Amino acid sequence: MHIRKMLPKDYDCVYNLWLKIPGMGLNTTDDSRAGILKYLKRNPNTCFVAETDNEIIGVIMSENAFWEKCGFAARNDLIYRNKNINDLIQIKTYS
């Protein structure tokens, strides 16, 4: 597994990941391509993806203002649940 900063080009893969998560509440403004690109522009150093075999399997997005308080939204592909992806992303961001 590889963890890296989320890039604008990741939007489609991240959005498709979100669509696979039962109960994931998406809205047409904030979660649109334009909304997420705006979010990434404001928070370029606090949004990460986890990849395996060139597939995004997890995402964590945080506001710069709330980073110290760990205010983030993390979503994993159901296949990779319980594999400590969120823990690894959090560790990566503090190193």
C-alpha atoms as a PDB file:
ATOM      1  CA  MET A   1       0.000   0.000   0.000  1.00  0.00           C
ATOM      2  CA  HIS A   2       1.198   3.497  -0.874  1.00  0.00           C
ATOM      3  CA  ILE A   3      -0.029   6.694   0.797  1.00  0.00           C
ATOM      4  CA  ARG A   4       0.308  10.025  -0.949  1.00  0.00           C
ATOM      5  CA  LYS A   5      -1.257  13.464  -1.133  1.00  0.00           C
ATOM      6  CA  MET A   6      -4.555  13.569  -2.979  1.00  0.00           C
ATOM      7  CA  LEU A   7      -4.305  15.261  -6.375  1.00  0.00           C
ATOM      8  CA  PRO A   8      -7.043  16.811  -8.528  1.00  0.00           C
ATOM      9  CA  LYS A   9      -6.667  13.921 -10.995  1.00  0.00           C
ATOM     10  CA  ASP A  10      -7.819  11.518  -8.228  1.00  0.00           C
ATOM     11  CA  TYR A  11     -11.332  12.932  -8.115  1.00  0.00           C
ATOM     12  CA  ASP A  12     -13.044  10.309 -10.315  1.00  0.00           C
ATOM     13  CA  CYS A  13     -11.500   7.378  -8.432  1.00  0.00           C
ATOM     14  CA  VAL A  14     -12.283   8.932  -5.039  1.00  0.00           C
ATOM     15  CA  TYR A  15     -15.857   9.710  -6.042  1.00  0.00           C
ATOM     16  CA  ASN A  16     -16.358   6.152  -7.314  1.00  0.00           C
ATOM     17  CA  LEU A  17     -14.990   4.865  -4.010  1.00  0.00           C
ATOM     18  CA  TRP A  18     -17.496   7.025  -2.133  1.00  0.00           C
ATOM     19  CA  LEU A  19     -20.333   5.642  -4.282  1.00  0.00           C
ATOM     20  CA  LYS A  20     -19.482   2.105  -3.111  1.00  0.00           C
ATOM     21  CA  ILE A  21     -19.853   2.992   0.575  1.00  0.00           C
ATOM     22  CA  PRO A  22     -23.335   2.296   1.977  1.00  0.00           C
ATOM     23  CA  GLY A  23     -24.844   5.322   3.653  1.00  0.00           C
ATOM     24  CA  MET A  24     -22.224   7.728   2.317  1.00  0.00           C
ATOM     25  CA  GLY A  25     -23.952  11.092   2.158  1.00  0.00           C
ATOM     26  CA  LEU A  26     -22.811  12.985  -0.915  1.00  0.00           C
ATOM     27  CA  ASN A  27     -24.142  16.324  -2.055  1.00  0.00           C
ATOM     28  CA  THR A  28     -24.065  17.903  -5.467  1.00  0.00           C
ATOM     29  CA  THR A  29     -22.178  21.014  -4.356  1.00  0.00           C
ATOM     30  CA  ASP A  30     -19.430  20.106  -1.894  1.00  0.00           C
ATOM     31  CA  ASP A  31     -18.740  16.665  -3.356  1.00  0.00           C
ATOM     32  CA  SER A  32     -18.832  17.756  -6.999  1.00  0.00           C
ATOM     33  CA  ARG A  33     -15.604  17.937  -8.980  1.00  0.00           C
ATOM     34  CA  ALA A  34     -15.558  21.732  -8.583  1.00  0.00           C
ATOM     35  CA  GLY A  35     -16.254  21.466  -4.848  1.00  0.00           C
ATOM     36  CA  ILE A  36     -13.502  18.931  -4.203  1.00  0.00           C
ATOM     37  CA  LEU A  37     -10.968  20.799  -6.371  1.00  0.00           C
ATOM     38  CA  LYS A  38     -11.726  23.973  -4.412  1.00  0.00           C
ATOM     39  CA  TYR A  39     -11.271  22.000  -1.168  1.00  0.00           C
ATOM     40  CA  LEU A  40      -7.924  20.586  -2.354  1.00  0.00           C
ATOM     41  CA  LYS A  41      -6.744  24.053  -3.341  1.00  0.00           C
ATOM     42  CA  ARG A  42      -7.520  25.350   0.167  1.00  0.00           C
ATOM     43  CA  ASN A  43      -6.079  22.258   1.891  1.00  0.00           C
ATOM     44  CA  PRO A  44      -3.261  20.885  -0.282  1.00  0.00           C
ATOM     45  CA  ASN A  45      -1.294  19.309   2.563  1.00  0.00           C
ATOM     46  CA  THR A  46      -4.027  17.583   4.550  1.00  0.00           C
ATOM     47  CA  CYS A  47      -5.770  15.349   1.997  1.00  0.00           C
ATOM     48  CA  PHE A  48      -4.396  11.879   1.271  1.00  0.00           C
ATOM     49  CA  VAL A  49      -5.224   8.715  -0.639  1.00  0.00           C
ATOM     50  CA  ALA A  50      -4.161   5.136   0.009  1.00  0.00           C
ATOM     51  CA  GLU A  51      -3.431   3.053  -3.092  1.00  0.00           C
ATOM     52  CA  THR A  52      -2.762  -0.563  -3.785  1.00  0.00           C
ATOM     53  CA  ASP A  53      -2.118  -1.970  -7.257  1.00  0.00           C
ATOM     54  CA  ASN A  54      -2.740   1.532  -8.706  1.00  0.00           C
ATOM     55  CA  GLU A  55      -6.244   1.593  -7.203  1.00  0.00           C
ATOM     56  CA  ILE A  56      -7.374   4.124  -4.616  1.00  0.00           C
ATOM     57  CA  ILE A  57      -8.709   2.184  -1.645  1.00  0.00           C
ATOM     58  CA  GLY A  58      -8.963   4.938   0.952  1.00  0.00           C
ATOM     59  CA  VAL A  59      -9.135   8.688   1.293  1.00  0.00           C
ATOM     60  CA  ILE A  60      -8.749  11.090   4.154  1.00  0.00           C
ATOM     61  CA  MET A  61      -9.537  14.779   3.812  1.00  0.00           C
ATOM     62  CA  SER A  62      -9.003  17.428   6.443  1.00  0.00           C
ATOM     63  CA  GLU A  63      -9.323  21.179   6.702  1.00  0.00           C
ATOM     64  CA  ASN A  64      -6.030  22.884   7.496  1.00  0.00           C
ATOM     65  CA  ALA A  65      -7.746  24.806  10.299  1.00  0.00           C
ATOM     66  CA  PHE A  66      -8.885  21.604  12.017  1.00  0.00           C
ATOM     67  CA  TRP A  67      -5.858  19.402  11.383  1.00  0.00           C
ATOM     68  CA  GLU A  68      -4.518  19.832  14.908  1.00  0.00           C
ATOM     69  CA  LYS A  69      -7.870  18.627  16.228  1.00  0.00           C
ATOM     70  CA  CYS A  70      -8.000  15.668  13.805  1.00  0.00           C
ATOM     71  CA  GLY A  71     -11.166  16.907  12.125  1.00  0.00           C
ATOM     72  CA  PHE A  72     -11.215  14.671   9.105  1.00  0.00           C
ATOM     73  CA  ALA A  73     -13.406  12.405   7.034  1.00  0.00           C
ATOM     74  CA  ALA A  74     -11.942   9.011   6.196  1.00  0.00           C
ATOM     75  CA  ARG A  75     -13.510   6.517   3.826  1.00  0.00           C
ATOM     76  CA  ASN A  76     -12.234   3.092   2.835  1.00  0.00           C
ATOM     77  CA  ASP A  77     -13.222   0.613   0.216  1.00  0.00           C
ATOM     78  CA  LEU A  78     -15.258  -2.110   1.930  1.00  0.00           C
ATOM     79  CA  ILE A  79     -12.772  -4.734   0.752  1.00  0.00           C
ATOM     80  CA  TYR A  80     -10.030  -3.071   2.771  1.00  0.00           C
ATOM     81  CA  ARG A  81     -11.945  -2.367   5.972  1.00  0.00           C
ATOM     82  CA  ASN A  82     -10.228  -3.501   9.163  1.00  0.00           C
ATOM     83  CA  LYS A  83      -6.795  -3.327   7.537  1.00  0.00           C
ATOM     84  CA  ASN A  84      -5.699  -0.198   9.457  1.00  0.00           C
ATOM     85  CA  ILE A  85      -5.652   2.064   6.386  1.00  0.00           C
ATOM     86  CA  ASN A  86      -6.831   5.076   8.377  1.00  0.00           C
ATOM     87  CA  ASP A  87      -4.146   4.477  11.003  1.00  0.00           C
ATOM     88  CA  LEU A  88      -1.485   4.352   8.307  1.00  0.00           C
ATOM     89  CA  ILE A  89      -2.736   7.539   6.684  1.00  0.00           C
ATOM     90  CA  GLN A  90      -2.725   9.333  10.020  1.00  0.00           C
ATOM     91  CA  ILE A  91       0.797   8.137  10.805  1.00  0.00           C
ATOM     92  CA  LYS A  92       1.991   9.239   7.354  1.00  0.00           C
ATOM     93  CA  THR A  93       0.592  12.738   7.786  1.00  0.00           C
ATOM     94  CA  TYR A  94       2.428  13.318  11.049  1.00  0.00           C
ATOM     95  CA  SER A  95       5.813  12.146   9.776  1.00  0.00           C
END
